[in-house]
Protein backbone atom coordinates (compact mmCIF):
# COMPACT_ATOMS: atom_id res chain seq x y z
CA MET A 1 -15.76 31.53 -0.99
CA PHE A 2 -15.97 27.83 -0.15
CA ASP A 3 -18.58 27.38 -2.89
CA SER A 4 -16.28 28.94 -5.48
CA ILE A 5 -13.42 26.66 -4.45
CA LYS A 6 -15.70 23.62 -4.57
CA SER A 7 -16.96 24.70 -7.99
CA PHE A 8 -13.40 25.08 -9.27
CA PHE A 9 -12.54 21.51 -8.27
CA SER A 10 -15.76 20.14 -9.74
CA ARG A 11 -15.03 21.82 -13.07
CA LYS A 12 -11.47 20.51 -12.98
CA VAL A 13 -12.61 16.93 -12.36
CA GLU A 14 -15.28 17.15 -15.06
CA SER A 15 -12.87 18.58 -17.63
CA VAL A 16 -10.31 15.84 -17.04
CA GLU A 17 -13.00 13.14 -17.21
CA GLU A 18 -14.39 14.56 -20.42
CA ALA A 19 -10.92 14.84 -21.95
CA ASP A 20 -10.09 11.25 -21.12
CA GLY A 21 -13.55 9.83 -21.71
CA ASP A 22 -12.82 7.47 -18.79
CA PRO A 23 -13.64 8.49 -15.19
CA GLN A 24 -11.49 5.60 -13.91
CA ARG A 25 -8.48 7.22 -15.54
CA HIS A 26 -8.98 10.24 -13.29
CA VAL A 27 -8.94 8.03 -10.20
CA GLN A 28 -5.67 6.54 -11.42
CA LEU A 29 -4.33 10.05 -11.97
CA ALA A 30 -5.36 11.06 -8.44
CA ALA A 31 -3.70 8.02 -6.85
CA CYS A 32 -0.53 8.62 -8.83
CA ALA A 33 -0.50 12.32 -7.89
CA MET A 34 -0.73 11.39 -4.20
CA LEU A 35 2.18 8.98 -4.60
CA LEU A 36 4.20 11.67 -6.35
CA GLU A 37 3.48 14.12 -3.54
CA LEU A 38 4.87 11.59 -1.09
CA ALA A 39 7.90 10.95 -3.28
CA HIS A 40 8.68 14.67 -3.39
CA ALA A 41 8.00 15.20 0.34
CA ASP A 42 11.67 14.90 1.30
CA ASP A 43 12.73 17.17 -1.60
CA GLU A 44 14.35 14.25 -3.42
CA PHE A 45 12.60 12.10 -6.01
CA SER A 46 14.95 9.12 -6.10
CA PRO A 47 15.20 6.51 -8.87
CA GLU A 48 13.96 3.94 -6.34
CA GLU A 49 10.86 6.00 -5.68
CA ARG A 50 10.20 6.45 -9.41
CA ARG A 51 10.59 2.72 -9.96
CA HIS A 52 8.25 1.97 -7.04
CA ILE A 53 5.55 4.24 -8.49
CA GLU A 54 5.94 2.82 -12.01
CA ASP A 55 5.72 -0.75 -10.71
CA ALA A 56 2.65 0.10 -8.61
CA MET A 57 0.89 1.69 -11.60
CA VAL A 58 1.62 -1.35 -13.76
CA ARG A 59 0.53 -3.83 -11.07
CA HIS A 60 -2.54 -2.13 -9.67
CA PHE A 61 -3.97 -0.53 -12.78
CA ASP A 62 -2.95 -3.20 -15.31
CA LEU A 63 -0.94 -0.71 -17.39
CA THR A 64 2.05 -1.24 -19.62
CA ALA A 65 5.33 0.36 -18.58
CA ASP A 66 4.85 3.07 -21.22
CA GLN A 67 1.30 3.78 -20.03
CA ALA A 68 2.56 3.99 -16.44
CA ARG A 69 5.24 6.51 -17.42
CA GLU A 70 2.62 8.56 -19.30
CA LEU A 71 0.31 8.47 -16.27
CA ILE A 72 3.18 9.62 -14.04
CA ALA A 73 3.92 12.55 -16.35
CA LEU A 74 0.25 13.59 -16.38
CA ALA A 75 -0.07 13.16 -12.61
CA GLU A 76 3.07 15.22 -12.05
CA GLN A 77 1.51 18.08 -14.00
CA GLU A 78 -1.78 17.75 -12.09
CA ARG A 79 0.12 17.69 -8.79
CA GLU A 80 2.05 20.83 -9.67
CA ASP A 81 -1.14 22.64 -10.75
CA ALA A 82 -3.15 21.57 -7.69
CA VAL A 83 -3.98 24.02 -4.94
CA ASP A 84 -3.88 21.22 -2.37
CA LEU A 85 -4.13 17.45 -2.09
CA PHE A 86 -7.77 17.36 -1.04
CA GLN A 87 -9.05 17.04 -4.61
CA PHE A 88 -7.04 13.85 -5.12
CA ALA A 89 -7.76 12.29 -1.74
CA ASN A 90 -11.46 13.17 -1.93
CA LEU A 91 -11.87 11.50 -5.31
CA ILE A 92 -10.16 8.34 -4.08
CA ALA A 93 -12.13 8.34 -0.82
CA ASP A 94 -15.35 8.48 -2.85
CA GLN A 95 -14.35 5.86 -5.42
CA TYR A 96 -12.31 3.30 -3.45
CA ASP A 97 -13.68 0.78 -1.03
CA GLU A 98 -11.89 0.07 2.24
CA GLY A 99 -9.79 -2.73 0.74
CA GLN A 100 -8.59 -0.55 -2.12
CA LYS A 101 -7.68 2.21 0.32
CA MET A 102 -5.64 -0.29 2.36
CA VAL A 103 -3.78 -1.42 -0.75
CA LEU A 104 -3.05 2.21 -1.62
CA ALA A 105 -1.81 2.82 1.94
CA GLU A 106 0.52 -0.20 1.61
CA VAL A 107 1.86 1.15 -1.69
CA MET A 108 2.40 4.54 -0.03
CA TRP A 109 4.30 3.03 2.90
CA GLY A 110 6.41 1.01 0.47
CA LEU A 111 7.15 4.20 -1.42
CA VAL A 112 8.28 6.25 1.56
CA HIS A 113 10.54 3.41 2.67
CA SER A 114 11.89 2.62 -0.83
CA ASP A 115 14.81 5.04 -0.47
CA GLY A 116 15.75 3.63 2.94
CA HIS A 117 14.78 6.75 4.89
CA LEU A 118 11.50 8.00 6.35
CA SER A 119 11.49 11.77 6.74
CA GLY A 120 9.26 13.56 9.23
CA HIS A 121 7.31 15.18 6.41
CA GLU A 122 6.70 11.81 4.72
CA ASP A 123 5.36 10.42 8.01
CA TYR A 124 3.15 13.50 8.43
CA LEU A 125 1.76 13.13 4.89
CA MET A 126 1.01 9.45 5.46
CA HIS A 127 -1.11 10.32 8.48
CA LYS A 128 -2.76 13.21 6.64
CA PHE A 129 -3.61 10.99 3.67
CA SER A 130 -4.97 8.33 6.02
CA HIS A 131 -7.30 10.89 7.53
CA LEU A 132 -8.35 12.32 4.15
CA LEU A 133 -9.02 8.83 2.77
CA GLY A 134 -11.12 7.93 5.79
CA LEU A 135 -9.07 4.92 6.88
CA ARG A 136 -10.15 3.54 10.22
CA PRO A 137 -7.81 3.94 13.21
CA GLY A 138 -5.18 1.25 13.21
CA TYR A 139 -5.46 0.56 9.48
CA LEU A 140 -2.53 2.82 8.66
CA ALA A 141 -0.32 0.90 11.11
CA GLU A 142 -1.51 -2.39 9.61
CA ALA A 143 -0.73 -1.15 6.09
CA LYS A 144 2.74 -0.08 7.24
CA LYS A 145 3.38 -3.50 8.77
CA ARG A 146 2.37 -5.27 5.56
CA ALA A 147 4.47 -2.95 3.40
CA LEU A 148 7.56 -3.45 5.54
CA GLU A 149 7.15 -7.24 5.48
CA ARG A 150 7.55 -7.20 1.68
């Protein structure tokens, strides 16, 4: 059964990469989908959270505002179709170096604090993502500190 699940995700990744013609685009899609999952964790996707994600996509991926909105729409669809978050986190863990993972963790902490409230589920997801991304112990706390200083 595990092999069939793994095969499903491999086919999904390959089909998206082939459709886009740019494997880096899929990494962007995965990072955006993880951010969207965090934004929806408290059952409210606020305008502040949307703005935070758009700004992060523009800044970190050198996109225009229109490209960022298009990426968000695509990532939202991918997130809704996904069985779980492992496919996104695994791709990022494989493609990002430690510094890039730290930057993503800072963006995530900024996102969950952008609406002025940290829910228990958001905190749980942050720790889960940290584990899935392979961040070293203490790095998540450091990323949170940096995000809150901004």
